[in-house]
Amino acid sequence: MSSTRSTPSLRPLPALIFSSRWLQLPLYLGLIVAQGVYVFLFLKELWHLILHAPEMTEQSIMLMVLGLIDVVMISNLLVMVIVGGFETFVSRLDLKGHPDQPEWLSHVNASVLKVKLAMAIIGISSIHLLKTFIEAGMLGGLPLCGTPEAVQAVAAMKATGALVGKGCSMVTQTGVMWQAIIHSIFILSALGIAWTDQVMSAGIRASAEGHDRH
């Protein structure tokens, strides 16, 4: 008797509904294109850093490096969504036993993917918040960009030949406060998702154990 299991045939309507999952394929292909755009952005920012590093201050270099880390973390998030989402919602990738299979993909499901995405978003938000704190520490009374005071400050810097540095700031005290609040909300949301997933997993295990006893 053959050990292989034949794929059950579906009636036309269930087959159509089940096949509709392939409509997500262009979405994942689009995310791959977006990944390429982020690679281009990373190389452009890295080249800018290499060219202007001798003229930049330590804080400016730190901000650019944090920007590069931000691009890498968003790229990691894209990989997680593309690979994990396709594996979970569209079709198996058949990577079992492949030497390059990501460790997290072996046990990925919708709940695990949600938790990992939440943690990745918190990491990205942390980088943005750290950049904001560094910029806030560099304010030194700089005017807000777009105001007449900022235009005058930039003109004065150009007149004195000070090409390095910022004549204005994009950061305000209110902006820093709200960014910190939003980051805290992200953390609370991730904790809520993880707790909900743990409760649901415990309920499923208890239900399975109950069926086994009977």
N, C-alpha and C. Protein backbone atom coordinates (compact mmCIF):
# COMPACT_ATOMS: atom_id res chain seq x y z
N MET A 1 0.84 -1.19 0.00
CA MET A 1 0.00 0.00 0.00
C MET A 1 0.88 1.25 0.00
N SER A 2 0.60 2.19 -0.83
CA SER A 2 1.43 3.38 -0.94
C SER A 2 1.30 4.22 0.32
N SER A 3 2.45 4.79 0.76
CA SER A 3 2.46 5.63 1.97
C SER A 3 2.13 7.08 1.66
N THR A 4 2.11 7.41 0.37
CA THR A 4 1.80 8.80 0.02
C THR A 4 0.31 9.04 0.12
N ARG A 5 -0.04 10.25 0.53
CA ARG A 5 -1.44 10.63 0.68
C ARG A 5 -1.82 11.52 -0.48
N SER A 6 -2.87 11.16 -1.16
CA SER A 6 -3.33 11.95 -2.29
C SER A 6 -4.05 13.21 -1.80
N THR A 7 -3.90 14.28 -2.56
CA THR A 7 -4.56 15.53 -2.21
C THR A 7 -6.05 15.42 -2.49
N PRO A 8 -6.90 15.67 -1.49
CA PRO A 8 -8.35 15.53 -1.72
C PRO A 8 -8.83 16.59 -2.70
N SER A 9 -9.73 16.18 -3.57
CA SER A 9 -10.30 17.12 -4.54
C SER A 9 -11.40 17.93 -3.88
N LEU A 10 -11.49 19.20 -4.25
CA LEU A 10 -12.48 20.09 -3.69
C LEU A 10 -13.57 20.37 -4.70
N ARG A 11 -14.75 20.66 -4.18
CA ARG A 11 -15.83 21.10 -5.06
C ARG A 11 -15.49 22.46 -5.64
N PRO A 12 -16.11 22.84 -6.76
CA PRO A 12 -15.69 24.07 -7.46
C PRO A 12 -15.68 25.31 -6.59
N LEU A 13 -16.76 25.54 -5.81
CA LEU A 13 -16.82 26.76 -5.01
C LEU A 13 -15.75 26.78 -3.91
N PRO A 14 -15.60 25.72 -3.10
CA PRO A 14 -14.50 25.73 -2.11
C PRO A 14 -13.13 25.85 -2.77
N ALA A 15 -12.95 25.23 -3.94
CA ALA A 15 -11.67 25.33 -4.63
C ALA A 15 -11.39 26.78 -5.05
N LEU A 16 -12.44 27.47 -5.53
CA LEU A 16 -12.27 28.87 -5.92
C LEU A 16 -11.93 29.74 -4.72
N ILE A 17 -12.65 29.53 -3.62
CA ILE A 17 -12.40 30.32 -2.42
C ILE A 17 -10.99 30.07 -1.89
N PHE A 18 -10.60 28.80 -1.87
CA PHE A 18 -9.26 28.47 -1.36
C PHE A 18 -8.16 29.02 -2.26
N SER A 19 -8.40 29.00 -3.57
CA SER A 19 -7.41 29.51 -4.52
C SER A 19 -7.29 31.04 -4.46
N SER A 20 -8.28 31.71 -3.87
CA SER A 20 -8.22 33.17 -3.81
C SER A 20 -7.05 33.67 -2.99
N ARG A 21 -6.43 32.78 -2.20
CA ARG A 21 -5.27 33.20 -1.41
C ARG A 21 -4.13 33.66 -2.31
N TRP A 22 -4.10 33.17 -3.56
CA TRP A 22 -3.03 33.54 -4.48
C TRP A 22 -3.17 34.99 -4.95
N LEU A 23 -4.30 35.62 -4.65
CA LEU A 23 -4.43 37.05 -4.97
C LEU A 23 -3.45 37.89 -4.15
N GLN A 24 -2.93 37.31 -3.06
CA GLN A 24 -1.96 38.03 -2.24
C GLN A 24 -0.56 38.01 -2.85
N LEU A 25 -0.34 37.16 -3.85
CA LEU A 25 0.99 37.04 -4.44
C LEU A 25 1.53 38.38 -4.95
N PRO A 26 0.75 39.18 -5.71
CA PRO A 26 1.29 40.49 -6.14
C PRO A 26 1.67 41.40 -4.98
N LEU A 27 0.98 41.25 -3.84
CA LEU A 27 1.31 42.07 -2.68
C LEU A 27 2.70 41.74 -2.16
N TYR A 28 3.00 40.44 -2.07
CA TYR A 28 4.32 40.03 -1.59
C TYR A 28 5.40 40.37 -2.61
N LEU A 29 5.10 40.25 -3.90
CA LEU A 29 6.06 40.66 -4.92
C LEU A 29 6.34 42.16 -4.83
N GLY A 30 5.29 42.94 -4.53
CA GLY A 30 5.47 44.38 -4.36
C GLY A 30 6.37 44.69 -3.17
N LEU A 31 6.24 43.90 -2.09
CA LEU A 31 7.11 44.11 -0.93
C LEU A 31 8.56 43.77 -1.26
N ILE A 32 8.77 42.81 -2.16
CA ILE A 32 10.13 42.50 -2.60
C ILE A 32 10.73 43.70 -3.34
N VAL A 33 9.90 44.34 -4.18
CA VAL A 33 10.36 45.55 -4.86
C VAL A 33 10.69 46.64 -3.83
N ALA A 34 9.84 46.79 -2.81
CA ALA A 34 10.11 47.77 -1.76
C ALA A 34 11.41 47.45 -1.03
N GLN A 35 11.71 46.16 -0.88
CA GLN A 35 12.98 45.76 -0.27
C GLN A 35 14.15 46.26 -1.11
N GLY A 36 14.02 46.16 -2.43
CA GLY A 36 15.06 46.68 -3.31
C GLY A 36 15.23 48.18 -3.18
N VAL A 37 14.12 48.89 -3.01
CA VAL A 37 14.20 50.34 -2.82
C VAL A 37 14.95 50.67 -1.53
N TYR A 38 14.72 49.92 -0.47
CA TYR A 38 15.42 50.15 0.78
C TYR A 38 16.91 49.84 0.66
N VAL A 39 17.27 48.84 -0.15
CA VAL A 39 18.68 48.56 -0.40
C VAL A 39 19.34 49.76 -1.08
N PHE A 40 18.64 50.33 -2.08
CA PHE A 40 19.16 51.51 -2.77
C PHE A 40 19.31 52.68 -1.79
N LEU A 41 18.30 52.88 -0.93
CA LEU A 41 18.35 53.96 0.05
C LEU A 41 19.52 53.77 1.01
N PHE A 42 19.74 52.53 1.45
CA PHE A 42 20.85 52.25 2.36
C PHE A 42 22.18 52.59 1.72
N LEU A 43 22.38 52.15 0.47
CA LEU A 43 23.64 52.41 -0.21
C LEU A 43 23.85 53.91 -0.44
N LYS A 44 22.76 54.64 -0.75
CA LYS A 44 22.87 56.08 -0.96
C LYS A 44 23.28 56.79 0.32
N GLU A 45 22.65 56.43 1.45
CA GLU A 45 22.98 57.05 2.73
C GLU A 45 24.39 56.67 3.17
N LEU A 46 24.79 55.42 2.92
CA LEU A 46 26.14 54.99 3.29
C LEU A 46 27.19 55.75 2.48
N TRP A 47 26.93 55.95 1.19
CA TRP A 47 27.85 56.70 0.35
C TRP A 47 27.95 58.16 0.82
N HIS A 48 26.81 58.73 1.18
CA HIS A 48 26.81 60.11 1.70
C HIS A 48 27.61 60.19 2.99
N LEU A 49 27.50 59.19 3.86
CA LEU A 49 28.25 59.18 5.11
C LEU A 49 29.74 59.08 4.85
N ILE A 50 30.14 58.22 3.91
CA ILE A 50 31.57 58.05 3.61
C ILE A 50 32.17 59.33 3.05
N LEU A 51 31.42 60.00 2.15
CA LEU A 51 31.94 61.20 1.51
C LEU A 51 32.09 62.36 2.47
N HIS A 52 31.13 62.53 3.39
CA HIS A 52 31.09 63.72 4.24
C HIS A 52 31.52 63.45 5.67
N ALA A 53 32.00 62.25 5.97
CA ALA A 53 32.40 61.92 7.34
C ALA A 53 33.46 62.86 7.90
N PRO A 54 34.49 63.28 7.11
CA PRO A 54 35.50 64.19 7.70
C PRO A 54 34.94 65.55 8.12
N GLU A 55 33.83 65.97 7.52
CA GLU A 55 33.28 67.29 7.83
C GLU A 55 32.21 67.24 8.92
N MET A 56 31.77 66.05 9.29
CA MET A 56 30.62 65.91 10.18
C MET A 56 31.03 65.81 11.63
N THR A 57 30.13 66.23 12.51
CA THR A 57 30.35 66.08 13.95
C THR A 57 30.02 64.66 14.37
N GLU A 58 30.44 64.33 15.60
CA GLU A 58 30.16 62.98 16.11
C GLU A 58 28.66 62.72 16.20
N GLN A 59 27.89 63.74 16.62
CA GLN A 59 26.44 63.57 16.74
C GLN A 59 25.80 63.36 15.37
N SER A 60 26.30 64.09 14.36
CA SER A 60 25.74 63.94 13.02
C SER A 60 26.02 62.54 12.46
N ILE A 61 27.24 62.05 12.70
CA ILE A 61 27.57 60.69 12.25
C ILE A 61 26.71 59.67 12.97
N MET A 62 26.50 59.88 14.27
CA MET A 62 25.66 58.96 15.04
C MET A 62 24.23 58.92 14.49
N LEU A 63 23.71 60.09 14.14
CA LEU A 63 22.36 60.16 13.59
C LEU A 63 22.27 59.42 12.25
N MET A 64 23.30 59.56 11.42
CA MET A 64 23.29 58.88 10.12
C MET A 64 23.41 57.36 10.30
N VAL A 65 24.25 56.93 11.25
CA VAL A 65 24.38 55.49 11.53
C VAL A 65 23.06 54.94 12.04
N LEU A 66 22.40 55.68 12.93
CA LEU A 66 21.09 55.24 13.40
C LEU A 66 20.09 55.16 12.26
N GLY A 67 20.20 56.08 11.29
CA GLY A 67 19.35 56.01 10.11
C GLY A 67 19.61 54.75 9.31
N LEU A 68 20.88 54.35 9.19
CA LEU A 68 21.21 53.11 8.49
C LEU A 68 20.65 51.90 9.24
N ILE A 69 20.78 51.92 10.56
CA ILE A 69 20.22 50.81 11.36
C ILE A 69 18.70 50.75 11.19
N ASP A 70 18.07 51.92 11.13
CA ASP A 70 16.63 51.98 10.92
C ASP A 70 16.24 51.33 9.60
N VAL A 71 17.00 51.61 8.53
CA VAL A 71 16.72 51.00 7.22
C VAL A 71 16.88 49.48 7.30
N VAL A 72 17.92 49.01 8.00
CA VAL A 72 18.15 47.57 8.13
C VAL A 72 17.00 46.90 8.89
N MET A 73 16.52 47.54 9.96
CA MET A 73 15.45 46.94 10.76
C MET A 73 14.14 46.92 9.97
N ILE A 74 13.87 47.95 9.18
CA ILE A 74 12.68 47.93 8.34
C ILE A 74 12.80 46.85 7.28
N SER A 75 14.03 46.66 6.75
CA SER A 75 14.26 45.60 5.78
C SER A 75 14.03 44.23 6.40
N ASN A 76 14.48 44.06 7.66
CA ASN A 76 14.22 42.80 8.37
C ASN A 76 12.72 42.57 8.55
N LEU A 77 12.01 43.65 8.85
CA LEU A 77 10.56 43.55 8.99
C LEU A 77 9.91 43.12 7.68
N LEU A 78 10.41 43.66 6.57
CA LEU A 78 9.87 43.28 5.26
C LEU A 78 10.12 41.79 4.99
N VAL A 79 11.32 41.31 5.31
CA VAL A 79 11.63 39.89 5.11
C VAL A 79 10.68 39.02 5.94
N MET A 80 10.46 39.45 7.18
CA MET A 80 9.58 38.68 8.06
C MET A 80 8.16 38.62 7.51
N VAL A 81 7.67 39.75 6.99
CA VAL A 81 6.32 39.78 6.44
C VAL A 81 6.24 38.97 5.15
N ILE A 82 7.24 39.12 4.27
CA ILE A 82 7.22 38.43 2.99
C ILE A 82 7.29 36.91 3.19
N VAL A 83 8.31 36.46 3.90
CA VAL A 83 8.53 35.02 4.06
C VAL A 83 7.48 34.41 4.98
N GLY A 84 7.32 35.01 6.18
CA GLY A 84 6.37 34.45 7.13
C GLY A 84 4.94 34.57 6.66
N GLY A 85 4.58 35.71 6.06
CA GLY A 85 3.21 35.88 5.57
C GLY A 85 2.88 34.94 4.43
N PHE A 86 3.80 34.78 3.49
CA PHE A 86 3.55 33.86 2.37
C PHE A 86 3.42 32.44 2.88
N GLU A 87 4.32 32.04 3.80
CA GLU A 87 4.28 30.68 4.36
C GLU A 87 2.99 30.44 5.15
N THR A 88 2.50 31.47 5.83
CA THR A 88 1.33 31.30 6.70
C THR A 88 0.02 31.38 5.94
N PHE A 89 -0.07 32.33 5.00
CA PHE A 89 -1.37 32.63 4.40
C PHE A 89 -1.52 32.20 2.94
N VAL A 90 -0.42 31.87 2.25
CA VAL A 90 -0.53 31.56 0.83
C VAL A 90 -0.15 30.12 0.54
N SER A 91 1.12 29.77 0.72
CA SER A 91 1.56 28.43 0.36
C SER A 91 2.85 28.10 1.09
N ARG A 92 3.08 26.79 1.29
CA ARG A 92 4.31 26.33 1.91
C ARG A 92 5.49 26.63 1.00
N LEU A 93 6.61 27.00 1.62
CA LEU A 93 7.83 27.24 0.86
C LEU A 93 8.72 26.00 0.78
N ASP A 94 8.37 24.94 1.54
CA ASP A 94 9.13 23.68 1.53
C ASP A 94 10.61 23.92 1.80
N LEU A 95 10.89 24.65 2.88
CA LEU A 95 12.28 24.94 3.24
C LEU A 95 12.81 24.00 4.32
N LYS A 96 12.03 23.00 4.72
CA LYS A 96 12.47 22.10 5.78
C LYS A 96 13.74 21.38 5.34
N GLY A 97 14.76 21.48 6.18
CA GLY A 97 16.04 20.86 5.87
C GLY A 97 16.98 21.74 5.07
N HIS A 98 16.49 22.90 4.61
CA HIS A 98 17.36 23.81 3.86
C HIS A 98 18.35 24.48 4.81
N PRO A 99 19.63 24.55 4.44
CA PRO A 99 20.63 25.11 5.37
C PRO A 99 20.40 26.58 5.71
N ASP A 100 19.72 27.31 4.84
CA ASP A 100 19.50 28.73 5.08
C ASP A 100 18.11 29.04 5.62
N GLN A 101 17.37 28.02 6.04
CA GLN A 101 16.03 28.26 6.57
C GLN A 101 16.12 29.09 7.85
N PRO A 102 15.39 30.21 7.94
CA PRO A 102 15.41 31.01 9.18
C PRO A 102 14.91 30.19 10.37
N GLU A 103 15.54 30.39 11.53
CA GLU A 103 15.19 29.61 12.71
C GLU A 103 13.74 29.81 13.10
N TRP A 104 13.23 31.04 12.98
CA TRP A 104 11.88 31.35 13.42
C TRP A 104 10.82 30.80 12.49
N LEU A 105 11.20 30.42 11.25
CA LEU A 105 10.20 29.99 10.27
C LEU A 105 9.71 28.58 10.56
N SER A 106 10.48 27.80 11.33
CA SER A 106 10.09 26.41 11.58
C SER A 106 8.85 26.31 12.46
N HIS A 107 8.56 27.34 13.25
CA HIS A 107 7.41 27.29 14.14
C HIS A 107 6.50 28.51 13.95
N VAL A 108 6.54 29.09 12.77
CA VAL A 108 5.76 30.31 12.55
C VAL A 108 4.29 29.97 12.29
N ASN A 109 3.41 30.79 12.85
CA ASN A 109 1.99 30.76 12.54
C ASN A 109 1.47 32.19 12.67
N ALA A 110 0.18 32.36 12.50
CA ALA A 110 -0.36 33.72 12.52
C ALA A 110 -0.09 34.42 13.85
N SER A 111 -0.24 33.71 14.97
CA SER A 111 -0.03 34.32 16.28
C SER A 111 1.43 34.68 16.50
N VAL A 112 2.32 33.74 16.17
CA VAL A 112 3.76 34.00 16.34
C VAL A 112 4.19 35.16 15.45
N LEU A 113 3.65 35.20 14.22
CA LEU A 113 4.01 36.27 13.30
C LEU A 113 3.58 37.63 13.83
N LYS A 114 2.38 37.69 14.45
CA LYS A 114 1.92 38.96 15.01
C LYS A 114 2.84 39.44 16.12
N VAL A 115 3.27 38.53 17.00
CA VAL A 115 4.16 38.92 18.09
C VAL A 115 5.50 39.40 17.56
N LYS A 116 6.05 38.68 16.58
CA LYS A 116 7.35 39.05 16.03
C LYS A 116 7.27 40.39 15.30
N LEU A 117 6.18 40.62 14.59
CA LEU A 117 6.01 41.91 13.91
C LEU A 117 5.89 43.04 14.93
N ALA A 118 5.17 42.79 16.02
CA ALA A 118 5.04 43.82 17.06
C ALA A 118 6.39 44.15 17.67
N MET A 119 7.22 43.13 17.92
CA MET A 119 8.54 43.36 18.48
C MET A 119 9.43 44.11 17.49
N ALA A 120 9.30 43.78 16.19
CA ALA A 120 10.08 44.49 15.18
C ALA A 120 9.68 45.96 15.10
N ILE A 121 8.38 46.23 15.19
CA ILE A 121 7.90 47.62 15.16
C ILE A 121 8.41 48.39 16.38
N ILE A 122 8.46 47.73 17.54
CA ILE A 122 8.99 48.38 18.74
C ILE A 122 10.47 48.72 18.54
N GLY A 123 11.22 47.80 17.92
CA GLY A 123 12.63 48.07 17.65
C GLY A 123 12.81 49.27 16.74
N ILE A 124 12.00 49.35 15.68
CA ILE A 124 12.08 50.49 14.76
C ILE A 124 11.71 51.78 15.48
N SER A 125 10.64 51.72 16.29
CA SER A 125 10.23 52.90 17.05
C SER A 125 11.31 53.34 18.03
N SER A 126 12.03 52.37 18.60
CA SER A 126 13.11 52.70 19.54
C SER A 126 14.22 53.48 18.84
N ILE A 127 14.56 53.06 17.61
CA ILE A 127 15.59 53.77 16.85
C ILE A 127 15.15 55.20 16.56
N HIS A 128 13.88 55.37 16.14
CA HIS A 128 13.38 56.71 15.85
C HIS A 128 13.39 57.57 17.12
N LEU A 129 13.01 56.97 18.25
CA LEU A 129 12.98 57.72 19.51
C LEU A 129 14.39 58.11 19.93
N LEU A 130 15.35 57.21 19.75
CA LEU A 130 16.73 57.53 20.10
C LEU A 130 17.26 58.66 19.23
N LYS A 131 16.93 58.62 17.93
CA LYS A 131 17.33 59.72 17.04
C LYS A 131 16.71 61.05 17.50
N THR A 132 15.46 60.99 17.91
CA THR A 132 14.80 62.21 18.39
C THR A 132 15.46 62.74 19.64
N PHE A 133 15.83 61.85 20.58
CA PHE A 133 16.49 62.29 21.81
C PHE A 133 17.85 62.93 21.50
N ILE A 134 18.58 62.34 20.54
CA ILE A 134 19.88 62.91 20.19
C ILE A 134 19.70 64.28 19.55
N GLU A 135 18.74 64.40 18.65
CA GLU A 135 18.48 65.69 18.02
C GLU A 135 18.00 66.71 19.05
N ALA A 136 17.21 66.26 20.01
CA ALA A 136 16.76 67.17 21.06
C ALA A 136 17.93 67.67 21.89
N GLY A 137 18.92 66.80 22.11
CA GLY A 137 20.10 67.22 22.86
C GLY A 137 20.99 68.17 22.10
N MET A 138 20.82 68.21 20.76
CA MET A 138 21.62 69.10 19.93
C MET A 138 20.91 70.43 19.66
N LEU A 139 19.73 70.62 20.24
CA LEU A 139 18.95 71.81 19.91
C LEU A 139 19.71 73.11 20.19
N GLY A 140 20.11 73.30 21.43
CA GLY A 140 20.88 74.49 21.78
C GLY A 140 20.21 75.78 21.39
N GLY A 141 18.88 75.82 21.48
CA GLY A 141 18.16 77.04 21.14
C GLY A 141 17.94 77.24 19.66
N LEU A 142 18.10 76.17 18.85
CA LEU A 142 17.88 76.30 17.41
C LEU A 142 16.40 76.55 17.13
N PRO A 143 16.09 77.40 16.16
CA PRO A 143 14.68 77.64 15.82
C PRO A 143 14.08 76.47 15.05
N LEU A 144 12.77 76.40 15.05
CA LEU A 144 12.07 75.34 14.34
C LEU A 144 12.16 75.57 12.84
N CYS A 145 12.47 74.52 12.09
CA CYS A 145 12.61 74.64 10.63
C CYS A 145 11.30 75.13 10.02
N GLY A 146 11.43 76.04 9.04
CA GLY A 146 10.27 76.58 8.36
C GLY A 146 9.83 77.93 8.89
N THR A 147 10.35 78.32 10.04
CA THR A 147 10.00 79.62 10.61
C THR A 147 10.95 80.69 10.09
N PRO A 148 10.55 81.96 10.14
CA PRO A 148 11.46 83.04 9.70
C PRO A 148 12.79 83.03 10.45
N GLU A 149 12.77 82.69 11.73
CA GLU A 149 14.01 82.64 12.50
C GLU A 149 14.96 81.58 11.95
N ALA A 150 14.38 80.46 11.50
CA ALA A 150 15.21 79.39 10.95
C ALA A 150 15.84 79.82 9.62
N VAL A 151 15.06 80.51 8.79
CA VAL A 151 15.59 81.00 7.51
C VAL A 151 16.75 81.96 7.75
N GLN A 152 16.60 82.84 8.73
CA GLN A 152 17.68 83.78 9.05
C GLN A 152 18.91 83.06 9.58
N ALA A 153 18.69 82.02 10.40
CA ALA A 153 19.83 81.28 10.96
C ALA A 153 20.61 80.56 9.86
N VAL A 154 19.90 79.94 8.91
CA VAL A 154 20.56 79.24 7.81
C VAL A 154 21.31 80.24 6.93
N ALA A 155 20.70 81.40 6.68
CA ALA A 155 21.37 82.42 5.87
C ALA A 155 22.64 82.92 6.56
N ALA A 156 22.59 83.06 7.88
CA ALA A 156 23.77 83.51 8.63
C ALA A 156 24.88 82.46 8.57
N MET A 157 24.50 81.17 8.63
CA MET A 157 25.50 80.10 8.54
C MET A 157 26.17 80.10 7.18
N LYS A 158 25.38 80.30 6.12
CA LYS A 158 25.95 80.33 4.77
C LYS A 158 26.86 81.55 4.60
N ALA A 159 26.48 82.68 5.22
CA ALA A 159 27.28 83.89 5.10
C ALA A 159 28.64 83.74 5.76
N THR A 160 28.67 82.96 6.86
CA THR A 160 29.94 82.76 7.58
C THR A 160 30.71 81.56 7.06
N GLY A 161 30.13 80.84 6.07
CA GLY A 161 30.81 79.67 5.49
C GLY A 161 30.68 78.43 6.33
N ALA A 162 29.78 78.42 7.30
CA ALA A 162 29.58 77.23 8.15
C ALA A 162 28.66 76.27 7.42
N LEU A 163 29.27 75.36 6.66
CA LEU A 163 28.48 74.44 5.85
C LEU A 163 28.07 73.21 6.64
N VAL A 164 28.73 72.96 7.75
CA VAL A 164 28.43 71.77 8.54
C VAL A 164 27.61 72.18 9.75
N GLY A 165 26.60 71.41 10.03
CA GLY A 165 25.73 71.70 11.17
C GLY A 165 24.35 72.07 10.71
N LYS A 166 23.46 72.15 11.64
CA LYS A 166 22.07 72.46 11.33
C LYS A 166 21.73 73.85 11.86
N GLY A 167 21.07 74.62 11.01
CA GLY A 167 20.66 75.94 11.44
C GLY A 167 19.28 75.96 12.03
N CYS A 168 18.58 74.81 11.95
CA CYS A 168 17.23 74.73 12.50
C CYS A 168 16.99 73.31 12.99
N SER A 169 15.88 73.11 13.64
CA SER A 169 15.56 71.81 14.21
C SER A 169 14.16 71.39 13.79
N MET A 170 14.01 70.08 13.56
CA MET A 170 12.69 69.52 13.26
C MET A 170 12.02 68.98 14.52
N VAL A 171 12.69 69.14 15.67
CA VAL A 171 12.22 68.54 16.92
C VAL A 171 11.69 69.62 17.85
N THR A 172 10.55 69.37 18.45
CA THR A 172 10.00 70.24 19.47
C THR A 172 9.76 69.43 20.74
N GLN A 173 9.59 70.11 21.86
CA GLN A 173 9.34 69.41 23.12
C GLN A 173 8.04 68.62 23.04
N THR A 174 7.03 69.20 22.41
CA THR A 174 5.75 68.50 22.28
C THR A 174 5.91 67.27 21.39
N GLY A 175 6.69 67.40 20.32
CA GLY A 175 6.91 66.27 19.43
C GLY A 175 7.63 65.13 20.14
N VAL A 176 8.64 65.46 20.95
CA VAL A 176 9.36 64.43 21.71
C VAL A 176 8.41 63.73 22.67
N MET A 177 7.56 64.52 23.34
CA MET A 177 6.62 63.93 24.31
C MET A 177 5.67 62.95 23.62
N TRP A 178 5.09 63.37 22.49
CA TRP A 178 4.15 62.50 21.81
C TRP A 178 4.83 61.26 21.23
N GLN A 179 6.06 61.42 20.75
CA GLN A 179 6.76 60.25 20.23
C GLN A 179 7.03 59.24 21.34
N ALA A 180 7.38 59.72 22.53
CA ALA A 180 7.60 58.83 23.67
C ALA A 180 6.29 58.14 24.07
N ILE A 181 5.18 58.88 24.03
CA ILE A 181 3.88 58.29 24.37
C ILE A 181 3.50 57.22 23.37
N ILE A 182 3.68 57.51 22.08
CA ILE A 182 3.34 56.53 21.05
C ILE A 182 4.21 55.28 21.18
N HIS A 183 5.50 55.47 21.49
CA HIS A 183 6.39 54.32 21.70
C HIS A 183 5.90 53.46 22.87
N SER A 184 5.47 54.12 23.94
CA SER A 184 4.95 53.37 25.10
C SER A 184 3.69 52.60 24.72
N ILE A 185 2.85 53.19 23.87
CA ILE A 185 1.64 52.50 23.41
C ILE A 185 2.01 51.27 22.59
N PHE A 186 3.05 51.40 21.75
CA PHE A 186 3.51 50.24 20.98
C PHE A 186 3.93 49.10 21.91
N ILE A 187 4.66 49.46 22.98
CA ILE A 187 5.11 48.43 23.93
C ILE A 187 3.92 47.77 24.61
N LEU A 188 2.96 48.58 25.07
CA LEU A 188 1.77 48.01 25.72
C LEU A 188 0.98 47.13 24.75
N SER A 189 0.89 47.55 23.49
CA SER A 189 0.17 46.75 22.49
C SER A 189 0.86 45.41 22.27
N ALA A 190 2.20 45.43 22.19
CA ALA A 190 2.94 44.18 22.00
C ALA A 190 2.76 43.25 23.20
N LEU A 191 2.77 43.81 24.41
CA LEU A 191 2.55 43.00 25.60
C LEU A 191 1.14 42.41 25.59
N GLY A 192 0.16 43.21 25.15
CA GLY A 192 -1.22 42.71 25.06
C GLY A 192 -1.34 41.59 24.03
N ILE A 193 -0.69 41.74 22.88
CA ILE A 193 -0.74 40.69 21.85
C ILE A 193 -0.09 39.42 22.37
N ALA A 194 1.09 39.55 23.02
CA ALA A 194 1.78 38.37 23.55
C ALA A 194 0.96 37.69 24.63
N TRP A 195 0.33 38.48 25.51
CA TRP A 195 -0.49 37.89 26.58
C TRP A 195 -1.70 37.18 25.99
N THR A 196 -2.36 37.80 25.02
CA THR A 196 -3.52 37.17 24.39
C THR A 196 -3.13 35.87 23.70
N ASP A 197 -1.98 35.88 23.02
CA ASP A 197 -1.51 34.66 22.36
C ASP A 197 -1.22 33.57 23.37
N GLN A 198 -0.65 33.94 24.52
CA GLN A 198 -0.35 32.94 25.55
C GLN A 198 -1.64 32.35 26.12
N VAL A 199 -2.63 33.20 26.36
CA VAL A 199 -3.91 32.72 26.89
C VAL A 199 -4.59 31.78 25.89
N MET A 200 -4.60 32.15 24.62
CA MET A 200 -5.22 31.31 23.60
C MET A 200 -4.49 29.98 23.45
N SER A 201 -3.14 30.03 23.49
CA SER A 201 -2.37 28.79 23.38
C SER A 201 -2.63 27.87 24.57
N ALA A 202 -2.73 28.46 25.77
CA ALA A 202 -3.02 27.65 26.96
C ALA A 202 -4.40 27.02 26.86
N GLY A 203 -5.39 27.77 26.32
CA GLY A 203 -6.73 27.22 26.16
C GLY A 203 -6.76 26.08 25.14
N ILE A 204 -6.01 26.24 24.05
CA ILE A 204 -5.96 25.18 23.04
C ILE A 204 -5.30 23.93 23.60
N ARG A 205 -4.21 24.09 24.36
CA ARG A 205 -3.54 22.93 24.97
C ARG A 205 -4.46 22.25 25.97
N ALA A 206 -5.17 23.03 26.79
CA ALA A 206 -6.09 22.42 27.77
C ALA A 206 -7.21 21.67 27.06
N SER A 207 -7.73 22.22 25.97
CA SER A 207 -8.77 21.55 25.22
C SER A 207 -8.27 20.25 24.60
N ALA A 208 -7.04 20.28 24.07
CA ALA A 208 -6.47 19.07 23.47
C ALA A 208 -6.24 18.00 24.52
N GLU A 209 -5.77 18.40 25.71
CA GLU A 209 -5.55 17.42 26.79
C GLU A 209 -6.87 16.81 27.25
N GLY A 210 -7.93 17.63 27.28
CA GLY A 210 -9.24 17.12 27.65
C GLY A 210 -9.76 16.10 26.66
N HIS A 211 -9.57 16.33 25.36
CA HIS A 211 -9.99 15.38 24.35
C HIS A 211 -9.18 14.09 24.46
N ASP A 212 -7.87 14.20 24.79
CA ASP A 212 -7.05 13.00 24.91
C ASP A 212 -7.51 12.12 26.06
N ARG A 213 -7.96 12.75 27.16
CA ARG A 213 -8.42 11.95 28.30
C ARG A 213 -9.67 11.15 27.95
N HIS A 214 -10.53 11.80 27.11
CA HIS A 214 -11.77 11.12 26.74
C HIS A 214 -11.55 10.15 25.58
